[in-house]
Amino acid sequence: MKLIIAIVNEQIASGLSDELLKHGIRMTGLTSSGVFLKKGNRTIISGVEDEEAQLVLQIIKEYTQKKKLQKIKTDQEDAKRIVAEGLATVFVLPIEQALQY
């Protein structure tokens, strides 16, 4: 199993959560703050089987890239900053044991 922790820009967190749910990925979302994205963010936590981890990472990558492109199209003046701006920081950790009580 893998534990995926995605720190996501608050503006896209709800849509990304919906996208993950469409693919049957269960998760927990926590409002968080910090210096990773330098804006309001949400931490999405999901424990998945090893073979599902790549699907989750692909969904996050595609969703954030789509949102960056949308922002660039609507904000040409600030396109350089938007490209450099991170929308998600993702950590993938191995799970030794998962228990439910």
C-alpha atoms as a PDB file:
ATOM      1  CA  MET A   1       0.000   0.000   0.000  1.00  0.00           C
ATOM      2  CA  LYS A   2       0.919   3.641  -0.461  1.00  0.00           C
ATOM      3  CA  LEU A   3      -0.060   6.755   1.454  1.00  0.00           C
ATOM      4  CA  ILE A   4      -0.465   9.706  -0.888  1.00  0.00           C
ATOM      5  CA  ILE A   5      -0.389  13.159   0.680  1.00  0.00           C
ATOM      6  CA  ALA A   6      -1.205  15.972  -1.738  1.00  0.00           C
ATOM      7  CA  ILE A   7      -0.974  19.578  -0.580  1.00  0.00           C
ATOM      8  CA  VAL A   8      -3.224  21.326  -3.067  1.00  0.00           C
ATOM      9  CA  ASN A   9      -4.015  24.974  -3.828  1.00  0.00           C
ATOM     10  CA  GLU A  10      -7.379  25.710  -2.186  1.00  0.00           C
ATOM     11  CA  GLN A  11      -8.820  27.066  -5.450  1.00  0.00           C
ATOM     12  CA  ILE A  12      -8.624  23.659  -7.146  1.00  0.00           C
ATOM     13  CA  ALA A  13      -8.980  21.320  -4.165  1.00  0.00           C
ATOM     14  CA  SER A  14     -12.730  20.765  -4.449  1.00  0.00           C
ATOM     15  CA  GLY A  15     -12.580  19.986  -8.169  1.00  0.00           C
ATOM     16  CA  LEU A  16      -9.609  17.665  -7.715  1.00  0.00           C
ATOM     17  CA  SER A  17     -11.407  15.829  -4.909  1.00  0.00           C
ATOM     18  CA  ASP A  18     -14.428  15.375  -7.191  1.00  0.00           C
ATOM     19  CA  GLU A  19     -12.164  14.048  -9.959  1.00  0.00           C
ATOM     20  CA  LEU A  20     -10.558  11.515  -7.614  1.00  0.00           C
ATOM     21  CA  LEU A  21     -13.985  10.403  -6.364  1.00  0.00           C
ATOM     22  CA  LYS A  22     -15.138   9.842  -9.970  1.00  0.00           C
ATOM     23  CA  HIS A  23     -12.375   7.265 -10.242  1.00  0.00           C
ATOM     24  CA  GLY A  24     -13.344   5.582  -6.967  1.00  0.00           C
ATOM     25  CA  ILE A  25     -10.411   6.962  -4.967  1.00  0.00           C
ATOM     26  CA  ARG A  26     -11.344   7.446  -1.313  1.00  0.00           C
ATOM     27  CA  MET A  27      -9.659  10.277   0.547  1.00  0.00           C
ATOM     28  CA  THR A  28      -9.747  12.697   3.434  1.00  0.00           C
ATOM     29  CA  GLY A  29      -9.309  16.435   2.954  1.00  0.00           C
ATOM     30  CA  LEU A  30      -7.942  18.782   5.612  1.00  0.00           C
ATOM     31  CA  THR A  31      -7.728  22.548   5.462  1.00  0.00           C
ATOM     32  CA  SER A  32      -4.076  23.418   5.918  1.00  0.00           C
ATOM     33  CA  SER A  33      -1.651  26.290   5.718  1.00  0.00           C
ATOM     34  CA  GLY A  34       2.062  26.592   5.297  1.00  0.00           C
ATOM     35  CA  VAL A  35       4.790  27.718   2.954  1.00  0.00           C
ATOM     36  CA  PHE A  36       4.630  24.962   0.313  1.00  0.00           C
ATOM     37  CA  LEU A  37       2.190  26.732  -1.989  1.00  0.00           C
ATOM     38  CA  LYS A  38       2.324  30.159  -0.300  1.00  0.00           C
ATOM     39  CA  LYS A  39      -1.481  30.405  -0.411  1.00  0.00           C
ATOM     40  CA  GLY A  40      -4.442  28.759   1.241  1.00  0.00           C
ATOM     41  CA  ASN A  41      -4.355  25.040   0.627  1.00  0.00           C
ATOM     42  CA  ARG A  42      -5.946  21.734   1.428  1.00  0.00           C
ATOM     43  CA  THR A  43      -4.162  18.501   2.258  1.00  0.00           C
ATOM     44  CA  ILE A  44      -5.688  15.456   0.567  1.00  0.00           C
ATOM     45  CA  ILE A  45      -4.715  12.132   2.129  1.00  0.00           C
ATOM     46  CA  SER A  46      -5.420   8.781   0.498  1.00  0.00           C
ATOM     47  CA  GLY A  47      -4.296   5.239   1.243  1.00  0.00           C
ATOM     48  CA  VAL A  48      -4.315   3.157  -1.947  1.00  0.00           C
ATOM     49  CA  GLU A  49      -3.070  -0.177  -3.180  1.00  0.00           C
ATOM     50  CA  ASP A  50       0.293  -0.044  -4.946  1.00  0.00           C
ATOM     51  CA  GLU A  51      -1.285  -0.484  -8.394  1.00  0.00           C
ATOM     52  CA  GLU A  52      -3.683   2.449  -7.782  1.00  0.00           C
ATOM     53  CA  ALA A  53      -0.940   4.900  -6.793  1.00  0.00           C
ATOM     54  CA  GLN A  54       0.038   5.708 -10.379  1.00  0.00           C
ATOM     55  CA  LEU A  55      -3.615   6.379 -11.269  1.00  0.00           C
ATOM     56  CA  VAL A  56      -3.934   8.837  -8.382  1.00  0.00           C
ATOM     57  CA  LEU A  57      -0.711  10.609  -9.372  1.00  0.00           C
ATOM     58  CA  GLN A  58      -1.837  10.786 -13.010  1.00  0.00           C
ATOM     59  CA  ILE A  59      -5.211  12.284 -12.031  1.00  0.00           C
ATOM     60  CA  ILE A  60      -3.514  14.927  -9.861  1.00  0.00           C
ATOM     61  CA  LYS A  61      -0.992  15.765 -12.576  1.00  0.00           C
ATOM     62  CA  GLU A  62      -3.563  16.058 -15.369  1.00  0.00           C
ATOM     63  CA  TYR A  63      -6.010  18.074 -13.256  1.00  0.00           C
ATOM     64  CA  THR A  64      -3.394  20.585 -12.100  1.00  0.00           C
ATOM     65  CA  GLN A  65      -1.999  21.001 -15.640  1.00  0.00           C
ATOM     66  CA  LYS A  66      -5.515  21.623 -16.982  1.00  0.00           C
ATOM     67  CA  LYS A  67      -6.125  24.258 -14.311  1.00  0.00           C
ATOM     68  CA  LYS A  68      -2.794  25.982 -15.025  1.00  0.00           C
ATOM     69  CA  LEU A  69      -3.686  26.216 -18.717  1.00  0.00           C
ATOM     70  CA  GLN A  70      -7.103  27.662 -17.862  1.00  0.00           C
ATOM     71  CA  LYS A  71      -5.492  30.278 -15.614  1.00  0.00           C
ATOM     72  CA  ILE A  72      -2.972  31.220 -18.319  1.00  0.00           C
ATOM     73  CA  LYS A  73      -5.756  31.683 -20.893  1.00  0.00           C
ATOM     74  CA  THR A  74      -7.687  33.990 -18.572  1.00  0.00           C
ATOM     75  CA  ASP A  75      -4.696  35.922 -17.213  1.00  0.00           C
ATOM     76  CA  GLN A  76      -2.209  36.572 -20.041  1.00  0.00           C
ATOM     77  CA  GLU A  77      -0.466  39.404 -18.160  1.00  0.00           C
ATOM     78  CA  ASP A  78       0.536  37.122 -15.325  1.00  0.00           C
ATOM     79  CA  ALA A  79       1.209  33.946 -17.364  1.00  0.00           C
ATOM     80  CA  LYS A  80       4.868  33.629 -16.289  1.00  0.00           C
ATOM     81  CA  ARG A  81       3.968  33.669 -12.590  1.00  0.00           C
ATOM     82  CA  ILE A  82       1.102  31.229 -13.129  1.00  0.00           C
ATOM     83  CA  VAL A  83       3.364  28.720 -14.883  1.00  0.00           C
ATOM     84  CA  ALA A  84       5.853  28.889 -12.019  1.00  0.00           C
ATOM     85  CA  GLU A  85       3.128  28.736  -9.377  1.00  0.00           C
ATOM     86  CA  GLY A  86       2.642  25.295  -7.918  1.00  0.00           C
ATOM     87  CA  LEU A  87      -0.871  23.934  -7.619  1.00  0.00           C
ATOM     88  CA  ALA A  88       0.057  20.706  -5.817  1.00  0.00           C
ATOM     89  CA  THR A  89       2.923  19.170  -3.893  1.00  0.00           C
ATOM     90  CA  VAL A  90       2.595  15.390  -3.583  1.00  0.00           C
ATOM     91  CA  PHE A  91       4.303  12.896  -1.303  1.00  0.00           C
ATOM     92  CA  VAL A  92       4.064   9.116  -1.741  1.00  0.00           C
ATOM     93  CA  LEU A  93       4.971   6.971   1.258  1.00  0.00           C
ATOM     94  CA  PRO A  94       4.976   3.208   1.737  1.00  0.00           C
ATOM     95  CA  ILE A  95       2.478   1.851   4.260  1.00  0.00           C
ATOM     96  CA  GLU A  96       3.771  -0.965   6.412  1.00  0.00           C
ATOM     97  CA  GLN A  97       0.390  -1.726   7.934  1.00  0.00           C
ATOM     98  CA  ALA A  98      -3.140  -0.327   7.690  1.00  0.00           C
ATOM     99  CA  LEU A  99      -5.637  -1.051  10.461  1.00  0.00           C
ATOM    100  CA  GLN A 100      -9.286  -0.153  10.941  1.00  0.00           C
ATOM    101  CA  TYR A 101     -10.968  -0.427  14.328  1.00  0.00           C
END
